């Protein structure tokens, strides 16, 4: 094979690897964030206590449901 063909194959393999890696990493992060949401009820409770509010369970559940609905809407 000539040198030109080797260079062409190398460039094509690099492009395919970059595109495949991008979509693979994107899929992995989507699954990770779906299984491990960044905010949970304990974190919300702590944030509300730091802001000087006394959180009730009803208020926490309402906030969590609204955050989950908003994240589903944005997808």
N, C-alpha and C. Protein backbone atom coordinates (compact mmCIF):
# COMPACT_ATOMS: atom_id res chain seq x y z
N UNK A 1 0.83 -1.18 0.00
CA UNK A 1 0.00 0.00 0.00
C UNK A 1 0.87 1.25 0.00
N UNK A 2 0.34 2.25 -0.59
CA UNK A 2 1.12 3.48 -0.64
C UNK A 2 0.92 4.28 0.65
N UNK A 3 1.79 5.23 0.83
CA UNK A 3 1.75 6.07 2.04
C UNK A 3 0.47 6.88 2.11
N UNK A 4 -0.05 7.32 1.01
CA UNK A 4 -1.28 8.12 0.98
C UNK A 4 -2.48 7.35 1.52
N UNK A 5 -2.56 6.07 1.17
CA UNK A 5 -3.67 5.25 1.67
C UNK A 5 -3.55 5.06 3.18
N UNK A 6 -2.34 4.84 3.68
CA UNK A 6 -2.14 4.69 5.13
C UNK A 6 -2.55 5.96 5.88
N UNK A 7 -2.18 7.10 5.34
CA UNK A 7 -2.55 8.36 5.99
C UNK A 7 -4.07 8.54 5.97
N UNK A 8 -4.71 8.22 4.85
CA UNK A 8 -6.16 8.32 4.74
C UNK A 8 -6.85 7.40 5.74
N UNK A 9 -6.39 6.16 5.85
CA UNK A 9 -6.97 5.22 6.81
C UNK A 9 -6.78 5.71 8.25
N UNK A 10 -5.64 6.29 8.53
CA UNK A 10 -5.36 6.81 9.87
C UNK A 10 -6.31 7.96 10.21
N UNK A 11 -6.52 8.86 9.28
CA UNK A 11 -7.42 10.00 9.50
C UNK A 11 -8.86 9.51 9.68
N UNK A 12 -9.29 8.56 8.85
CA UNK A 12 -10.65 8.03 8.96
C UNK A 12 -10.83 7.33 10.31
N UNK A 13 -9.85 6.54 10.73
CA UNK A 13 -9.94 5.85 12.02
C UNK A 13 -9.98 6.84 13.17
N UNK A 14 -9.23 7.90 13.08
CA UNK A 14 -9.23 8.94 14.11
C UNK A 14 -10.60 9.61 14.22
N UNK A 15 -11.19 9.95 13.08
CA UNK A 15 -12.51 10.59 13.06
C UNK A 15 -13.57 9.65 13.62
N UNK A 16 -13.55 8.38 13.21
CA UNK A 16 -14.52 7.41 13.71
C UNK A 16 -14.35 7.22 15.21
N UNK A 17 -13.13 7.17 15.69
CA UNK A 17 -12.89 7.03 17.12
C UNK A 17 -13.37 8.22 17.92
N UNK A 18 -13.15 9.42 17.41
CA UNK A 18 -13.62 10.62 18.10
C UNK A 18 -15.15 10.68 18.17
N UNK A 19 -15.80 10.39 17.07
CA UNK A 19 -17.26 10.42 17.04
C UNK A 19 -17.83 9.33 17.94
N UNK A 20 -17.30 8.14 17.86
CA UNK A 20 -17.76 7.04 18.71
C UNK A 20 -17.52 7.32 20.18
N UNK A 21 -16.38 7.88 20.51
CA UNK A 21 -16.07 8.23 21.89
C UNK A 21 -16.98 9.30 22.43
N UNK A 22 -17.30 10.28 21.62
CA UNK A 22 -18.20 11.35 22.04
C UNK A 22 -19.57 10.80 22.39
N UNK A 23 -20.15 10.01 21.49
CA UNK A 23 -21.49 9.48 21.74
C UNK A 23 -21.50 8.45 22.86
N UNK A 24 -20.44 7.67 22.98
CA UNK A 24 -20.35 6.72 24.09
C UNK A 24 -20.28 7.43 25.43
N UNK A 25 -19.47 8.47 25.53
CA UNK A 25 -19.37 9.24 26.78
C UNK A 25 -20.67 9.96 27.08
N UNK A 26 -21.33 10.46 26.07
CA UNK A 26 -22.62 11.14 26.28
C UNK A 26 -23.66 10.18 26.83
N UNK A 27 -23.75 8.99 26.27
CA UNK A 27 -24.70 7.98 26.73
C UNK A 27 -24.39 7.56 28.16
N UNK A 28 -23.11 7.38 28.48
CA UNK A 28 -22.70 7.00 29.83
C UNK A 28 -23.11 8.06 30.84
N UNK A 29 -22.87 9.32 30.53
CA UNK A 29 -23.21 10.40 31.46
C UNK A 29 -24.73 10.53 31.63
N UNK A 30 -25.50 10.35 30.56
CA UNK A 30 -26.96 10.40 30.69
C UNK A 30 -27.45 9.31 31.62
N UNK A 31 -26.93 8.10 31.47
CA UNK A 31 -27.33 7.00 32.34
C UNK A 31 -26.88 7.24 33.77
N UNK A 32 -25.69 7.77 33.95
CA UNK A 32 -25.18 8.04 35.30
C UNK A 32 -26.03 9.07 36.02
N UNK A 33 -26.38 10.15 35.34
CA UNK A 33 -27.19 11.19 35.96
C UNK A 33 -28.63 10.73 36.18
N UNK A 34 -29.11 9.83 35.34
CA UNK A 34 -30.46 9.30 35.54
C UNK A 34 -30.50 8.41 36.78
N UNK A 35 -29.47 7.60 36.97
CA UNK A 35 -29.42 6.69 38.12
C UNK A 35 -28.96 7.37 39.39
N UNK A 36 -28.19 8.43 39.30
CA UNK A 36 -27.66 9.15 40.45
C UNK A 36 -27.97 10.64 40.31
N UNK A 37 -29.20 11.02 40.64
CA UNK A 37 -29.54 12.44 40.48
C UNK A 37 -28.67 13.32 41.37
N UNK A 38 -28.33 14.50 40.90
CA UNK A 38 -27.41 15.34 41.65
C UNK A 38 -27.99 15.92 42.93
N UNK A 39 -29.32 16.02 43.06
CA UNK A 39 -29.93 16.58 44.27
C UNK A 39 -30.94 15.58 44.81
N UNK A 40 -30.88 15.30 46.11
CA UNK A 40 -31.86 14.43 46.74
C UNK A 40 -32.54 15.17 47.89
N UNK A 41 -33.45 14.51 48.58
CA UNK A 41 -34.23 15.16 49.62
C UNK A 41 -33.36 15.64 50.79
N UNK A 42 -32.33 14.87 51.12
CA UNK A 42 -31.45 15.28 52.22
C UNK A 42 -30.73 16.59 51.89
N UNK A 43 -30.29 16.71 50.65
CA UNK A 43 -29.62 17.94 50.24
C UNK A 43 -30.59 19.12 50.26
N UNK A 44 -31.83 18.89 49.80
CA UNK A 44 -32.83 19.96 49.85
C UNK A 44 -33.12 20.38 51.28
N UNK A 45 -33.24 19.41 52.17
CA UNK A 45 -33.49 19.71 53.58
C UNK A 45 -32.36 20.56 54.15
N UNK A 46 -31.13 20.19 53.87
CA UNK A 46 -29.97 20.93 54.35
C UNK A 46 -29.97 22.35 53.79
N UNK A 47 -30.27 22.50 52.50
CA UNK A 47 -30.30 23.83 51.89
C UNK A 47 -31.38 24.70 52.52
N UNK A 48 -32.55 24.13 52.77
CA UNK A 48 -33.63 24.90 53.37
C UNK A 48 -33.29 25.31 54.80
N UNK A 49 -32.65 24.41 55.55
CA UNK A 49 -32.25 24.76 56.91
C UNK A 49 -31.21 25.88 56.90
N UNK A 50 -30.31 25.86 55.94
CA UNK A 50 -29.30 26.91 55.84
C UNK A 50 -29.92 28.25 55.47
N UNK A 51 -31.04 28.20 54.75
CA UNK A 51 -31.73 29.45 54.39
C UNK A 51 -32.66 29.92 55.50
N UNK A 52 -32.74 29.17 56.59
CA UNK A 52 -33.55 29.59 57.71
C UNK A 52 -34.99 29.11 57.65
N UNK A 53 -35.28 28.15 56.77
CA UNK A 53 -36.64 27.62 56.67
C UNK A 53 -36.71 26.26 57.37
N UNK A 54 -37.84 25.97 57.95
CA UNK A 54 -38.04 24.65 58.56
C UNK A 54 -38.79 23.79 57.54
N UNK A 55 -38.11 22.84 56.93
CA UNK A 55 -38.74 22.06 55.85
C UNK A 55 -39.68 20.99 56.40
N UNK A 56 -40.88 20.92 55.85
CA UNK A 56 -41.79 19.83 56.16
C UNK A 56 -41.63 18.76 55.08
N UNK A 57 -42.06 17.54 55.40
CA UNK A 57 -41.96 16.46 54.41
C UNK A 57 -42.79 16.77 53.17
N UNK A 58 -43.95 17.38 53.36
CA UNK A 58 -44.81 17.73 52.23
C UNK A 58 -44.10 18.71 51.30
N UNK A 59 -43.48 19.72 51.87
CA UNK A 59 -42.76 20.73 51.08
C UNK A 59 -41.59 20.08 50.33
N UNK A 60 -40.85 19.19 51.00
CA UNK A 60 -39.73 18.52 50.34
C UNK A 60 -40.20 17.67 49.17
N UNK A 61 -41.28 16.91 49.35
CA UNK A 61 -41.80 16.08 48.27
C UNK A 61 -42.28 16.93 47.11
N UNK A 62 -42.92 18.05 47.40
CA UNK A 62 -43.38 18.94 46.33
C UNK A 62 -42.20 19.49 45.54
N UNK A 63 -41.16 19.89 46.24
CA UNK A 63 -39.98 20.43 45.54
C UNK A 63 -39.30 19.37 44.70
N UNK A 64 -39.18 18.15 45.23
CA UNK A 64 -38.55 17.07 44.47
C UNK A 64 -39.37 16.73 43.23
N UNK A 65 -40.69 16.66 43.37
CA UNK A 65 -41.54 16.35 42.22
C UNK A 65 -41.47 17.45 41.16
N UNK A 66 -41.42 18.69 41.59
CA UNK A 66 -41.33 19.77 40.61
C UNK A 66 -39.98 19.75 39.90
N UNK A 67 -38.91 19.42 40.61
CA UNK A 67 -37.59 19.35 39.98
C UNK A 67 -37.53 18.18 39.01
N UNK A 68 -38.12 17.03 39.37
CA UNK A 68 -38.12 15.89 38.47
C UNK A 68 -38.96 16.15 37.23
N UNK A 69 -40.10 16.81 37.41
CA UNK A 69 -40.95 17.15 36.26
C UNK A 69 -40.24 18.12 35.33
N UNK A 70 -39.52 19.06 35.92
CA UNK A 70 -38.79 20.03 35.11
C UNK A 70 -37.66 19.36 34.34
N UNK A 71 -36.98 18.40 34.95
CA UNK A 71 -35.89 17.72 34.24
C UNK A 71 -36.41 16.83 33.13
N UNK A 72 -37.59 16.22 33.31
CA UNK A 72 -38.18 15.41 32.26
C UNK A 72 -38.66 16.27 31.11
N UNK A 73 -39.17 17.46 31.43
CA UNK A 73 -39.67 18.38 30.41
C UNK A 73 -38.55 18.88 29.52
N UNK A 74 -37.37 19.07 30.10
CA UNK A 74 -36.25 19.62 29.34
C UNK A 74 -35.63 18.60 28.39
N UNK A 75 -35.96 17.33 28.53
CA UNK A 75 -35.37 16.30 27.65
C UNK A 75 -36.08 16.20 26.36
